[in-house]
PDB file of N, CA and C in Angstrom:
ATOM      1  N   MET A   1     105.867  46.632-186.167  1.00  0.00           N
ATOM      2  CA  MET A   1     106.415  45.301-186.348  1.00  0.00           C
ATOM      3  C   MET A   1     105.355  44.238-186.086  1.00  0.00           C
ATOM      4  N   ALA A   2     104.496  44.407-185.091  1.00  0.00           N
ATOM      5  CA  ALA A   2     103.462  43.434-184.763  1.00  0.00           C
ATOM      6  C   ALA A   2     102.479  43.295-185.927  1.00  0.00           C
ATOM      7  N   LYS A   3     102.222  44.391-186.624  1.00  0.00           N
ATOM      8  CA  LYS A   3     101.312  44.361-187.758  1.00  0.00           C
ATOM      9  C   LYS A   3     101.873  43.461-188.872  1.00  0.00           C
ATOM     10  N   ALA A   4     103.168  43.535-189.123  1.00  0.00           N
ATOM     11  CA  ALA A   4     103.811  42.703-190.146  1.00  0.00           C
ATOM     12  C   ALA A   4     103.750  41.230-189.748  1.00  0.00           C
ATOM     13  N   GLU A   5     103.922  40.938-188.466  1.00  0.00           N
ATOM     14  CA  GLU A   5     103.862  39.545-188.002  1.00  0.00           C
ATOM     15  C   GLU A   5     102.451  38.975-188.181  1.00  0.00           C
ATOM     16  N   VAL A   6     101.440  39.789-187.929  1.00  0.00           N
ATOM     17  CA  VAL A   6     100.057  39.348-188.105  1.00  0.00           C
ATOM     18  C   VAL A   6      99.801  39.031-189.581  1.00  0.00           C
ATOM     19  N   VAL A   7     100.288  39.877-190.457  1.00  0.00           N
ATOM     20  CA  VAL A   7     100.112  39.648-191.892  1.00  0.00           C
ATOM     21  C   VAL A   7     100.812  38.354-192.312  1.00  0.00           C
ATOM     22  N   ILE A   8     102.006  38.111-191.803  1.00  0.00           N
ATOM     23  CA  ILE A   8     102.747  36.890-192.127  1.00  0.00           C
ATOM     24  C   ILE A   8     101.994  35.659-191.626  1.00  0.00           C
ATOM     25  N   VAL A   9     101.507  35.710-190.396  1.00  0.00           N
ATOM     26  CA  VAL A   9     100.768  34.575-189.829  1.00  0.00           C
ATOM     27  C   VAL A   9      99.496  34.315-190.623  1.00  0.00           C
ATOM     28  N   LEU A  10      98.754  35.365-190.967  1.00  0.00           N
ATOM     29  CA  LEU A  10      97.538  35.185-191.753  1.00  0.00           C
ATOM     30  C   LEU A  10      97.853  34.638-193.145  1.00  0.00           C
ATOM     31  N   SER A  11      98.932  35.080-193.735  1.00  0.00           N
ATOM     32  CA  SER A  11      99.349  34.579-195.046  1.00  0.00           C
ATOM     33  C   SER A  11      99.687  33.095-194.973  1.00  0.00           C
ATOM     34  N   LEU A  12     100.407  32.705-193.919  1.00  0.00           N
ATOM     35  CA  LEU A  12     100.754  31.297-193.751  1.00  0.00           C
ATOM     36  C   LEU A  12      99.511  30.439-193.555  1.00  0.00           C
ATOM     37  N   LEU A  13      98.552  30.935-192.790  1.00  0.00           N
ATOM     38  CA  LEU A  13      97.307  30.197-192.597  1.00  0.00           C
ATOM     39  C   LEU A  13      96.564  30.012-193.918  1.00  0.00           C
ATOM     40  N   LEU A  14      96.566  31.042-194.747  1.00  0.00           N
ATOM     41  CA  LEU A  14      95.925  30.954-196.050  1.00  0.00           C
ATOM     42  C   LEU A  14      96.627  29.915-196.924  1.00  0.00           C
ATOM     43  N   VAL A  15      97.942  29.926-196.936  1.00  0.00           N
ATOM     44  CA  VAL A  15      98.719  28.959-197.721  1.00  0.00           C
ATOM     45  C   VAL A  15      98.455  27.547-197.222  1.00  0.00           C
ATOM     46  N   ILE A  16      98.436  27.341-195.921  1.00  0.00           N
ATOM     47  CA  ILE A  16      98.177  26.019-195.351  1.00  0.00           C
ATOM     48  C   ILE A  16      96.790  25.541-195.750  1.00  0.00           C
ATOM     49  N   THR A  17      95.808  26.430-195.744  1.00  0.00           N
ATOM     50  CA  THR A  17      94.446  26.074-196.124  1.00  0.00           C
ATOM     51  C   THR A  17      94.392  25.654-197.587  1.00  0.00           C
ATOM     52  N   VAL A  18      95.073  26.396-198.457  1.00  0.00           N
ATOM     53  CA  VAL A  18      95.071  26.079-199.879  1.00  0.00           C
ATOM     54  C   VAL A  18      95.841  24.798-200.152  1.00  0.00           C
ATOM     55  N   VAL A  19      96.975  24.604-199.503  1.00  0.00           N
ATOM     56  CA  VAL A  19      97.858  23.476-199.745  1.00  0.00           C
ATOM     57  C   VAL A  19      97.336  22.197-199.094  1.00  0.00           C
ATOM     58  N   ASP A  20      96.391  22.309-198.195  1.00  0.00           N
ATOM     59  CA  ASP A  20      95.887  21.147-197.470  1.00  0.00           C
ATOM     60  C   ASP A  20      95.417  20.046-198.412  1.00  0.00           C
ATOM     61  N   GLY A  21      94.906  20.409-199.600  1.00  0.00           N
ATOM     62  CA  GLY A  21      94.435  19.420-200.557  1.00  0.00           C
ATOM     63  C   GLY A  21      95.556  18.747-201.342  1.00  0.00           C
ATOM     64  N   LEU A  22      96.775  19.227-201.245  1.00  0.00           N
ATOM     65  CA  LEU A  22      97.881  18.644-201.987  1.00  0.00           C
ATOM     66  C   LEU A  22      98.192  17.245-201.494  1.00  0.00           C
ATOM     67  N   GLY A  23      98.560  16.387-202.416  1.00  0.00           N
ATOM     68  CA  GLY A  23      98.959  15.040-202.048  1.00  0.00           C
ATOM     69  C   GLY A  23      97.824  14.042-202.084  1.00  0.00           C
ATOM     70  N   GLY A  24      96.605  14.473-201.834  1.00  0.00           N
ATOM     71  CA  GLY A  24      95.465  13.558-201.862  1.00  0.00           C
ATOM     72  C   GLY A  24      94.782  13.584-203.218  1.00  0.00           C
ATOM     73  N   ARG A  25      94.068  12.529-203.523  1.00  0.00           N
ATOM     74  CA  ARG A  25      93.325  12.478-204.776  1.00  0.00           C
ATOM     75  C   ARG A  25      92.058  13.312-204.683  1.00  0.00           C
ATOM     76  N   MET A  26      91.761  13.996-205.778  1.00  0.00           N
ATOM     77  CA  MET A  26      90.544  14.800-205.849  1.00  0.00           C
ATOM     78  C   MET A  26      89.731  14.326-207.056  1.00  0.00           C
ATOM     79  N   ARG A  27      88.454  14.095-206.835  1.00  0.00           N
ATOM     80  CA  ARG A  27      87.561  13.659-207.909  1.00  0.00           C
ATOM     81  C   ARG A  27      87.369  14.791-208.913  1.00  0.00           C
ATOM     82  N   ILE A  28      87.353  14.447-210.185  1.00  0.00           N
ATOM     83  CA  ILE A  28      87.086  15.419-211.245  1.00  0.00           C
ATOM     84  C   ILE A  28      85.637  15.223-211.675  1.00  0.00           C
ATOM     85  N   ASN A  29      84.864  16.287-211.598  1.00  0.00           N
ATOM     86  CA  ASN A  29      83.449  16.226-211.958  1.00  0.00           C
ATOM     87  C   ASN A  29      83.262  16.436-213.456  1.00  0.00           C
ATOM     88  N   ASP A  30      82.147  15.946-213.981  1.00  0.00           N
ATOM     89  CA  ASP A  30      81.738  16.141-215.369  1.00  0.00           C
ATOM     90  C   ASP A  30      82.836  15.754-216.356  1.00  0.00           C
ATOM     91  N   VAL A  31      83.393  14.550-216.183  1.00  0.00           N
ATOM     92  CA  VAL A  31      84.502  14.114-217.034  1.00  0.00           C
ATOM     93  C   VAL A  31      84.103  13.975-218.501  1.00  0.00           C
ATOM     94  N   LYS A  32      82.840  13.678-218.766  1.00  0.00           N
ATOM     95  CA  LYS A  32      82.410  13.503-220.162  1.00  0.00           C
ATOM     96  C   LYS A  32      82.548  14.784-220.967  1.00  0.00           C
ATOM     97  N   ASN A  33      82.430  15.941-220.313  1.00  0.00           N
ATOM     98  CA  ASN A  33      82.545  17.231-220.996  1.00  0.00           C
ATOM     99  C   ASN A  33      83.897  17.910-220.769  1.00  0.00           C
ATOM    100  N   ASN A  34      84.798  17.250-220.067  1.00  0.00           N
ATOM    101  CA  ASN A  34      86.111  17.820-219.778  1.00  0.00           C
ATOM    102  C   ASN A  34      87.075  17.428-220.903  1.00  0.00           C
ATOM    103  N   LYS A  35      87.385  18.388-221.781  1.00  0.00           N
ATOM    104  CA  LYS A  35      88.211  18.098-222.955  1.00  0.00           C
ATOM    105  C   LYS A  35      89.602  17.602-222.575  1.00  0.00           C
ATOM    106  N   GLU A  36      90.195  18.193-221.552  1.00  0.00           N
ATOM    107  CA  GLU A  36      91.541  17.781-221.136  1.00  0.00           C
ATOM    108  C   GLU A  36      91.545  16.320-220.682  1.00  0.00           C
ATOM    109  N   VAL A  37      90.570  15.943-219.871  1.00  0.00           N
ATOM    110  CA  VAL A  37      90.487  14.574-219.359  1.00  0.00           C
ATOM    111  C   VAL A  37      90.228  13.590-220.504  1.00  0.00           C
ATOM    112  N   GLN A  38      89.339  13.945-221.423  1.00  0.00           N
ATOM    113  CA  GLN A  38      89.055  13.064-222.561  1.00  0.00           C
ATOM    114  C   GLN A  38      90.306  12.899-223.441  1.00  0.00           C
ATOM    115  N   GLU A  39      91.058  13.968-223.631  1.00  0.00           N
ATOM    116  CA  GLU A  39      92.295  13.876-224.416  1.00  0.00           C
ATOM    117  C   GLU A  39      93.334  13.006-223.706  1.00  0.00           C
ATOM    118  N   LEU A  40      93.399  13.083-222.384  1.00  0.00           N
ATOM    119  CA  LEU A  40      94.323  12.214-221.639  1.00  0.00           C
ATOM    120  C   LEU A  40      93.910  10.749-221.762  1.00  0.00           C
ATOM    121  N   GLY A  41      92.617  10.486-221.807  1.00  0.00           N
ATOM    122  CA  GLY A  41      92.134   9.128-222.017  1.00  0.00           C
ATOM    123  C   GLY A  41      92.507   8.616-223.402  1.00  0.00           C
ATOM    124  N   ARG A  42      92.327   9.459-224.402  1.00  0.00           N
ATOM    125  CA  ARG A  42      92.702   9.090-225.769  1.00  0.00           C
ATOM    126  C   ARG A  42      94.211   8.839-225.846  1.00  0.00           C
ATOM    127  N   PHE A  43      95.006   9.726-225.204  1.00  0.00           N
ATOM    128  CA  PHE A  43      96.457   9.550-225.152  1.00  0.00           C
ATOM    129  C   PHE A  43      96.815   8.210-224.512  1.00  0.00           C
ATOM    130  N   SER A  44      96.136   7.847-223.426  1.00  0.00           N
ATOM    131  CA  SER A  44      96.407   6.587-222.717  1.00  0.00           C
ATOM    132  C   SER A  44      96.223   5.388-223.634  1.00  0.00           C
ATOM    133  N   VAL A  45      95.114   5.366-224.370  1.00  0.00           N
ATOM    134  CA  VAL A  45      94.827   4.244-225.263  1.00  0.00           C
ATOM    135  C   VAL A  45      95.835   4.207-226.413  1.00  0.00           C
ATOM    136  N   GLU A  46      96.118   5.365-226.998  1.00  0.00           N
ATOM    137  CA  GLU A  46      97.082   5.410-228.100  1.00  0.00           C
ATOM    138  C   GLU A  46      98.470   4.981-227.640  1.00  0.00           C
ATOM    139  N   GLU A  47      98.871   5.410-226.474  1.00  0.00           N
ATOM    140  CA  GLU A  47     100.187   5.049-225.946  1.00  0.00           C
ATOM    141  C   GLU A  47     100.232   3.558-225.615  1.00  0.00           C
ATOM    142  N   TYR A  48      99.153   3.016-225.060  1.00  0.00           N
ATOM    143  CA  TYR A  48      99.085   1.579-224.799  1.00  0.00           C
ATOM    144  C   TYR A  48      99.239   0.806-226.115  1.00  0.00           C
ATOM    145  N   ASN A  49      98.492   1.232-227.142  1.00  0.00           N
ATOM    146  CA  ASN A  49      98.578   0.561-228.444  1.00  0.00           C
ATOM    147  C   ASN A  49      99.990   0.667-229.025  1.00  0.00           C
ATOM    148  N   ARG A  50     100.611   1.837-228.892  1.00  0.00           N
ATOM    149  CA  ARG A  50     101.963   2.029-229.424  1.00  0.00           C
ATOM    150  C   ARG A  50     102.951   1.098-228.724  1.00  0.00           C
ATOM    151  N   ARG A  51     102.849   1.013-227.400  1.00  0.00           N
ATOM    152  CA  ARG A  51     103.759   0.162-226.630  1.00  0.00           C
ATOM    153  C   ARG A  51     103.502  -1.328-226.900  1.00  0.00           C
ATOM    154  N   SER A  52     102.280  -1.657-227.279  1.00  0.00           N
ATOM    155  CA  SER A  52     101.914  -3.061-227.524  1.00  0.00           C
ATOM    156  C   SER A  52     102.069  -3.444-228.991  1.00  0.00           C
ATOM    157  N   GLN A  53     102.552  -2.561-229.815  1.00  0.00           N
ATOM    158  CA  GLN A  53     102.580  -2.761-231.265  1.00  0.00           C
ATOM    159  C   GLN A  53     103.276  -4.061-231.669  1.00  0.00           C
ATOM    160  N   GLY A  54     104.385  -4.415-231.077  1.00  0.00           N
ATOM    161  CA  GLY A  54     105.080  -5.656-231.402  1.00  0.00           C
ATOM    162  C   GLY A  54     104.213  -6.871-231.149  1.00  0.00           C
ATOM    163  N   ARG A  55     103.513  -6.886-230.029  1.00  0.00           N
ATOM    164  CA  ARG A  55     102.612  -8.006-229.710  1.00  0.00           C
ATOM    165  C   ARG A  55     101.444  -8.058-230.690  1.00  0.00           C
ATOM    166  N   LEU A  56     100.954  -6.865-231.107  1.00  0.00           N
ATOM    167  CA  LEU A  56      99.841  -6.826-232.054  1.00  0.00           C
ATOM    168  C   LEU A  56     100.246  -7.422-233.389  1.00  0.00           C
ATOM    169  N   ARG A  57     101.422  -7.042-233.896  1.00  0.00           N
ATOM    170  CA  ARG A  57     101.898  -7.566-235.179  1.00  0.00           C
ATOM    171  C   ARG A  57     102.062  -9.082-235.121  1.00  0.00           C
ATOM    172  N   PHE A  58     102.600  -9.575-234.016  1.00  0.00           N
ATOM    173  CA  PHE A  58     102.805 -11.016-233.861  1.00  0.00           C
ATOM    174  C   PHE A  58     101.461 -11.745-233.864  1.00  0.00           C
ATOM    175  N   SER A  59     100.482 -11.215-233.145  1.00  0.00           N
ATOM    176  CA  SER A  59      99.162 -11.831-233.061  1.00  0.00           C
ATOM    177  C   SER A  59      98.494 -11.870-234.431  1.00  0.00           C
ATOM    178  N   LEU A  60      98.559 -10.773-235.183  1.00  0.00           N
ATOM    179  CA  LEU A  60      97.938 -10.720-236.503  1.00  0.00           C
ATOM    180  C   LEU A  60      98.655 -11.650-237.484  1.00  0.00           C
ATOM    181  N   ALA A  61      99.991 -11.720-237.396  1.00  0.00           N
ATOM    182  CA  ALA A  61     100.768 -12.585-238.284  1.00  0.00           C
ATOM    183  C   ALA A  61     100.415 -14.052-238.055  1.00  0.00           C
ATOM    184  N   LYS A  62     100.075 -14.415-236.841  1.00  0.00           N
ATOM    185  CA  LYS A  62      99.708 -15.800-236.511  1.00  0.00           C
ATOM    186  C   LYS A  62      98.222 -16.074-236.766  1.00  0.00           C
ATOM    187  N   GLY A  63      97.525 -15.057-237.319  1.00  0.00           N
ATOM    188  CA  GLY A  63      96.103 -15.238-237.601  1.00  0.00           C
ATOM    189  C   GLY A  63      95.209 -14.982-236.410  1.00  0.00           C
ATOM    190  N   GLY A  64      95.785 -14.447-235.351  1.00  0.00           N
ATOM    191  CA  GLY A  64      95.007 -14.161-234.153  1.00  0.00           C
ATOM    192  C   GLY A  64      94.221 -12.872-234.287  1.00  0.00           C
ATOM    193  N   PRO A  65      93.326 -12.628-233.345  1.00  0.00           N
ATOM    194  CA  PRO A  65      92.516 -11.406-233.392  1.00  0.00           C
ATOM    195  C   PRO A  65      93.351 -10.185-233.019  1.00  0.00           C
ATOM    196  N   SER A  66      92.934  -9.052-233.525  1.00  0.00           N
ATOM    197  CA  SER A  66      93.606  -7.796-233.179  1.00  0.00           C
ATOM    198  C   SER A  66      93.288  -7.448-231.728  1.00  0.00           C
ATOM    199  N   THR A  67      94.292  -7.099-230.975  1.00  0.00           N
ATOM    200  CA  THR A  67      94.064  -6.696-229.585  1.00  0.00           C
ATOM    201  C   THR A  67      94.165  -5.188-229.422  1.00  0.00           C
ATOM    202  N   ALA A  68      94.275  -4.463-230.550  1.00  0.00           N
ATOM    203  CA  ALA A  68      94.346  -3.008-230.477  1.00  0.00           C
ATOM    204  C   ALA A  68      93.061  -2.461-229.864  1.00  0.00           C
ATOM    205  N   LEU A  69      93.211  -1.429-229.064  1.00  0.00           N
ATOM    206  CA  LEU A  69      92.064  -0.793-228.423  1.00  0.00           C
ATOM    207  C   LEU A  69      91.618   0.415-229.234  1.00  0.00           C
ATOM    208  N   VAL A  70      90.317   0.686-229.195  1.00  0.00           N
ATOM    209  CA  VAL A  70      89.756   1.877-229.811  1.00  0.00           C
ATOM    210  C   VAL A  70      89.098   2.686-228.699  1.00  0.00           C
ATOM    211  N   PHE A  71      89.597   3.894-228.468  1.00  0.00           N
ATOM    212  CA  PHE A  71      89.099   4.756-227.393  1.00  0.00           C
ATOM    213  C   PHE A  71      87.625   5.090-227.592  1.00  0.00           C
ATOM    214  N   SER A  72      86.856   5.006-226.495  1.00  0.00           N
ATOM    215  CA  SER A  72      85.462   5.451-226.499  1.00  0.00           C
ATOM    216  C   SER A  72      85.327   6.729-225.687  1.00  0.00           C
ATOM    217  N   GLN A  73      85.553   6.626-224.360  1.00  0.00           N
ATOM    218  CA  GLN A  73      85.467   7.816-223.512  1.00  0.00           C
ATOM    219  C   GLN A  73      86.001   7.534-222.115  1.00  0.00           C
ATOM    220  N   VAL A  74      86.355   8.602-221.419  1.00  0.00           N
ATOM    221  CA  VAL A  74      86.712   8.515-220.009  1.00  0.00           C
ATOM    222  C   VAL A  74      85.407   8.624-219.227  1.00  0.00           C
ATOM    223  N   VAL A  75      85.193   7.702-218.293  1.00  0.00           N
ATOM    224  CA  VAL A  75      83.944   7.692-217.530  1.00  0.00           C
ATOM    225  C   VAL A  75      84.143   8.049-216.063  1.00  0.00           C
ATOM    226  N   GLY A  76      85.389   8.164-215.629  1.00  0.00           N
ATOM    227  CA  GLY A  76      85.687   8.549-214.257  1.00  0.00           C
ATOM    228  C   GLY A  76      87.111   9.050-214.180  1.00  0.00           C
ATOM    229  N   ALA A  77      87.347  10.034-213.301  1.00  0.00           N
ATOM    230  CA  ALA A  77      88.702  10.582-213.203  1.00  0.00           C
ATOM    231  C   ALA A  77      88.940  11.217-211.839  1.00  0.00           C
ATOM    232  N   GLU A  78      90.190  11.092-211.408  1.00  0.00           N
ATOM    233  CA  GLU A  78      90.678  11.767-210.212  1.00  0.00           C
ATOM    234  C   GLU A  78      92.035  12.355-210.558  1.00  0.00           C
ATOM    235  N   LYS A  79      92.441  13.363-209.801  1.00  0.00           N
ATOM    236  CA  LYS A  79      93.779  13.905-209.990  1.00  0.00           C
ATOM    237  C   LYS A  79      94.447  14.088-208.646  1.00  0.00           C
ATOM    238  N   GLN A  80      95.772  14.076-208.692  1.00  0.00           N
ATOM    239  CA  GLN A  80      96.577  14.196-207.484  1.00  0.00           C
ATOM    240  C   GLN A  80      97.772  15.078-207.814  1.00  0.00           C
ATOM    241  N   VAL A  81      97.992  16.093-206.990  1.00  0.00           N
ATOM    242  CA  VAL A  81      99.134  16.972-207.195  1.00  0.00           C
ATOM    243  C   VAL A  81     100.355  16.315-206.575  1.00  0.00           C
ATOM    244  N   VAL A  82     101.345  16.047-207.417  1.00  0.00           N
ATOM    245  CA  VAL A  82     102.628  15.473-206.991  1.00  0.00           C
ATOM    246  C   VAL A  82     103.688  16.360-207.628  1.00  0.00           C
ATOM    247  N   ALA A  83     104.756  15.803-208.146  1.00  0.00           N
ATOM    248  CA  ALA A  83     105.720  16.591-208.924  1.00  0.00           C
ATOM    249  C   ALA A  83     105.149  16.709-210.328  1.00  0.00           C
ATOM    250  N   GLY A  84     104.020  17.341-210.430  1.00  0.00           N
ATOM    251  CA  GLY A  84     103.197  17.437-211.620  1.00  0.00           C
ATOM    252  C   GLY A  84     101.777  17.101-211.202  1.00  0.00           C
ATOM    253  N   ILE A  85     100.966  16.675-212.138  1.00  0.00           N
ATOM    254  CA  ILE A  85      99.595  16.261-211.823  1.00  0.00           C
ATOM    255  C   ILE A  85      99.422  14.827-212.312  1.00  0.00           C
ATOM    256  N   LYS A  86      99.071  13.959-211.389  1.00  0.00           N
ATOM    257  CA  LYS A  86      98.847  12.556-211.718  1.00  0.00           C
ATOM    258  C   LYS A  86      97.342  12.364-211.895  1.00  0.00           C
ATOM    259  N   TYR A  87      96.960  11.863-213.064  1.00  0.00           N
ATOM    260  CA  TYR A  87      95.557  11.616-213.370  1.00  0.00           C
ATOM    261  C   TYR A  87      95.275  10.120-213.294  1.00  0.00           C
ATOM    262  N   TYR A  88      94.219   9.756-212.599  1.00  0.00           N
ATOM    263  CA  TYR A  88      93.750   8.386-212.487  1.00  0.00           C
ATOM    264  C   TYR A  88      92.456   8.312-213.300  1.00  0.00           C
ATOM    265  N   LEU A  89      92.486   7.584-214.405  1.00  0.00           N
ATOM    266  CA  LEU A  89      91.365   7.584-215.333  1.00  0.00           C
ATOM    267  C   LEU A  89      90.719   6.208-215.440  1.00  0.00           C
ATOM    268  N   LYS A  90      89.407   6.194-215.565  1.00  0.00           N
ATOM    269  CA  LYS A  90      88.651   4.976-215.883  1.00  0.00           C
ATOM    270  C   LYS A  90      88.148   5.189-217.309  1.00  0.00           C
ATOM    271  N   ILE A  91      88.586   4.291-218.202  1.00  0.00           N
ATOM    272  CA  ILE A  91      88.385   4.483-219.638  1.00  0.00           C
ATOM    273  C   ILE A  91      87.562   3.340-220.223  1.00  0.00           C
ATOM    274  N   LYS A  92      86.603   3.687-221.076  1.00  0.00           N
ATOM    275  CA  LYS A  92      85.874   2.696-221.873  1.00  0.00           C
ATOM    276  C   LYS A  92      86.551   2.650-223.236  1.00  0.00           C
ATOM    277  N   ALA A  93      86.852   1.438-223.709  1.00  0.00           N
ATOM    278  CA  ALA A  93      87.469   1.247-225.022  1.00  0.00           C
ATOM    279  C   ALA A  93      86.952  -0.053-225.622  1.00  0.00           C
ATOM    280  N   MET A  94      86.974  -0.100-226.946  1.00  0.00           N
ATOM    281  CA  MET A  94      86.558  -1.300-227.670  1.00  0.00           C
ATOM    282  C   MET A  94      87.790  -2.153-227.956  1.00  0.00           C
ATOM    283  N   GLN A  95      87.626  -3.466-227.751  1.00  0.00           N
ATOM    284  CA  GLN A  95      88.691  -4.409-228.080  1.00  0.00           C
ATOM    285  C   GLN A  95      88.033  -5.617-228.737  1.00  0.00           C
ATOM    286  N   GLY A  96      88.330  -5.805-230.014  1.00  0.00           N
ATOM    287  CA  GLY A  96      87.720  -6.917-230.733  1.00  0.00           C
ATOM    288  C   GLY A  96      86.206  -6.825-230.783  1.00  0.00           C
ATOM    289  N   GLY A  97      85.671  -5.608-230.859  1.00  0.00           N
ATOM    290  CA  GLY A  97      84.223  -5.415-230.936  1.00  0.00           C
ATOM    291  C   GLY A  97      83.500  -5.440-229.603  1.00  0.00           C
ATOM    292  N   VAL A  98      84.249  -5.595-228.515  1.00  0.00           N
ATOM    293  CA  VAL A  98      83.650  -5.651-227.176  1.00  0.00           C
ATOM    294  C   VAL A  98      84.096  -4.431-226.373  1.00  0.00           C
ATOM    295  N   THR A  99      83.138  -3.773-225.718  1.00  0.00           N
ATOM    296  CA  THR A  99      83.480  -2.637-224.865  1.00  0.00           C
ATOM    297  C   THR A  99      84.009  -3.143-223.533  1.00  0.00           C
ATOM    298  N   LYS A 100      85.165  -2.633-223.165  1.00  0.00           N
ATOM    299  CA  LYS A 100      85.798  -3.017-221.902  1.00  0.00           C
ATOM    300  C   LYS A 100      86.193  -1.755-221.151  1.00  0.00           C
ATOM    301  N   THR A 101      86.425  -1.921-219.854  1.00  0.00           N
ATOM    302  CA  THR A 101      86.838  -0.804-219.012  1.00  0.00           C
ATOM    303  C   THR A 101      88.285  -1.012-218.580  1.00  0.00           C
ATOM    304  N   PHE A 102      89.053   0.060-218.669  1.00  0.00           N
ATOM    305  CA  PHE A 102      90.465   0.035-218.303  1.00  0.00           C
ATOM    306  C   PHE A 102      90.751   1.175-217.332  1.00  0.00           C
ATOM    307  N   GLU A 103      91.824   1.036-216.586  1.00  0.00           N
ATOM    308  CA  GLU A 103      92.281   2.092-215.689  1.00  0.00           C
ATOM    309  C   GLU A 103      93.673   2.512-216.117  1.00  0.00           C
ATOM    310  N   SER A 104      93.901   3.816-216.130  1.00  0.00           N
ATOM    311  CA  SER A 104      95.226   4.299-216.481  1.00  0.00           C
ATOM    312  C   SER A 104      95.654   5.375-215.497  1.00  0.00           C
ATOM    313  N   VAL A 105      96.962   5.551-215.420  1.00  0.00           N
ATOM    314  CA  VAL A 105      97.547   6.615-214.613  1.00  0.00           C
ATOM    315  C   VAL A 105      98.484   7.380-215.540  1.00  0.00           C
ATOM    316  N   VAL A 106      98.259   8.689-215.638  1.00  0.00           N
ATOM    317  CA  VAL A 106      99.067   9.549-216.500  1.00  0.00           C
ATOM    318  C   VAL A 106      99.653  10.669-215.654  1.00  0.00           C
ATOM    319  N   LEU A 107     100.956  10.890-215.794  1.00  0.00           N
ATOM    320  CA  LEU A 107     101.625  11.993-215.107  1.00  0.00           C
ATOM    321  C   LEU A 107     101.843  13.118-216.100  1.00  0.00           C
ATOM    322  N   VAL A 108     101.305  14.296-215.775  1.00  0.00           N
ATOM    323  CA  VAL A 108     101.436  15.470-216.634  1.00  0.00           C
ATOM    324  C   VAL A 108     102.302  16.493-215.914  1.00  0.00           C
ATOM    325  N   LYS A 109     103.323  16.981-216.628  1.00  0.00           N
ATOM    326  CA  LYS A 109     104.184  18.062-216.126  1.00  0.00           C
ATOM    327  C   LYS A 109     104.048  19.223-217.097  1.00  0.00           C
ATOM    328  N   PRO A 110     103.093  20.139-216.823  1.00  0.00           N
ATOM    329  CA  PRO A 110     102.801  21.213-217.776  1.00  0.00           C
ATOM    330  C   PRO A 110     103.992  22.133-218.062  1.00  0.00           C
ATOM    331  N   TRP A 111     104.847  22.334-217.080  1.00  0.00           N
ATOM    332  CA  TRP A 111     105.951  23.275-217.260  1.00  0.00           C
ATOM    333  C   TRP A 111     107.002  22.766-218.247  1.00  0.00           C
ATOM    334  N   VAL A 112     107.011  21.465-218.522  1.00  0.00           N
ATOM    335  CA  VAL A 112     107.921  20.917-219.535  1.00  0.00           C
ATOM    336  C   VAL A 112     107.120  20.263-220.671  1.00  0.00           C
ATOM    337  N   GLN A 113     105.824  20.479-220.681  1.00  0.00           N
ATOM    338  CA  GLN A 113     104.914  19.962-221.698  1.00  0.00           C
ATOM    339  C   GLN A 113     105.099  18.460-221.924  1.00  0.00           C
ATOM    340  N   SER A 114     105.060  17.692-220.824  1.00  0.00           N
ATOM    341  CA  SER A 114     105.233  16.248-220.952  1.00  0.00           C
ATOM    342  C   SER A 114     104.048  15.492-220.369  1.00  0.00           C
ATOM    343  N   LYS A 115     103.786  14.330-220.972  1.00  0.00           N
ATOM    344  CA  LYS A 115     102.778  13.383-220.489  1.00  0.00           C
ATOM    345  C   LYS A 115     103.449  12.017-220.502  1.00  0.00           C
ATOM    346  N   ASP A 116     103.225  11.256-219.444  1.00  0.00           N
ATOM    347  CA  ASP A 116     103.810   9.923-219.371  1.00  0.00           C
ATOM    348  C   ASP A 116     102.766   8.947-218.854  1.00  0.00           C
ATOM    349  N   LEU A 117     102.526   7.886-219.603  1.00  0.00           N
ATOM    350  CA  LEU A 117     101.608   6.837-219.175  1.00  0.00           C
ATOM    351  C   LEU A 117     102.328   5.950-218.193  1.00  0.00           C
ATOM    352  N   LEU A 118     101.915   5.987-216.925  1.00  0.00           N
ATOM    353  CA  LEU A 118     102.572   5.216-215.874  1.00  0.00           C
ATOM    354  C   LEU A 118     101.978   3.820-215.733  1.00  0.00           C
ATOM    355  N   ASN A 119     100.682   3.684-215.993  1.00  0.00           N
ATOM    356  CA  ASN A 119     100.025   2.396-215.832  1.00  0.00           C
ATOM    357  C   ASN A 119      98.803   2.335-216.735  1.00  0.00           C
ATOM    358  N   PHE A 120      98.547   1.143-217.287  1.00  0.00           N
ATOM    359  CA  PHE A 120      97.347   0.917-218.084  1.00  0.00           C
ATOM    360  C   PHE A 120      96.986  -0.551-217.911  1.00  0.00           C
ATOM    361  N   SER A 121      95.797  -0.818-217.390  1.00  0.00           N
ATOM    362  CA  SER A 121      95.412  -2.197-217.125  1.00  0.00           C
ATOM    363  C   SER A 121      93.888  -2.341-217.143  1.00  0.00           C
ATOM    364  N   PRO A 122      93.409  -3.569-217.317  1.00  0.00           N
ATOM    365  CA  PRO A 122      91.957  -3.796-217.236  1.00  0.00           C
ATOM    366  C   PRO A 122      91.445  -3.378-215.863  1.00  0.00           C
ATOM    367  N   SER A 123      90.246  -2.838-215.821  1.00  0.00           N
ATOM    368  CA  SER A 123      89.656  -2.409-214.562  1.00  0.00           C
ATOM    369  C   SER A 123      89.234  -3.610-213.733  1.00  0.00           C
ATOM    370  N   THR A 124      89.445  -3.490-212.452  1.00  0.00           N
ATOM    371  CA  THR A 124      89.026  -4.553-211.538  1.00  0.00           C
ATOM    372  C   THR A 124      87.677  -4.233-210.906  1.00  0.00           C
ATOM    373  N   HIS A 125      87.115  -3.075-211.220  1.00  0.00           N
ATOM    374  CA  HIS A 125      85.830  -2.663-210.636  1.00  0.00           C
ATOM    375  C   HIS A 125      84.785  -2.502-211.718  1.00  0.00           C
TER     376      HIS A 125
END
């Protein structure tokens, strides 16, 4: 019986060690070559444009400049394990011929194959 208790305690210690990183943000390295991260950045820009479509049509109808964004690349990323994986992305995109930096937050739930853009805004850094 003591042997089984030792195995249980060691197993719990291993789980605690692995789970210790849960909840906190973790930096993603080599984002320029990470296809998943780049696709999430492209999704963020496309979803922002889709949600802004009414404003874009109004601006163009009034003779104003197009505010649609054109994705360039993700230049920084972090992820956080929550009820899914929350990605914090720093994205370069073109707007009216000018390169700008934006920040987005995307929640991915792989088990239901869903992605949701939670936030998209100009970068403050």
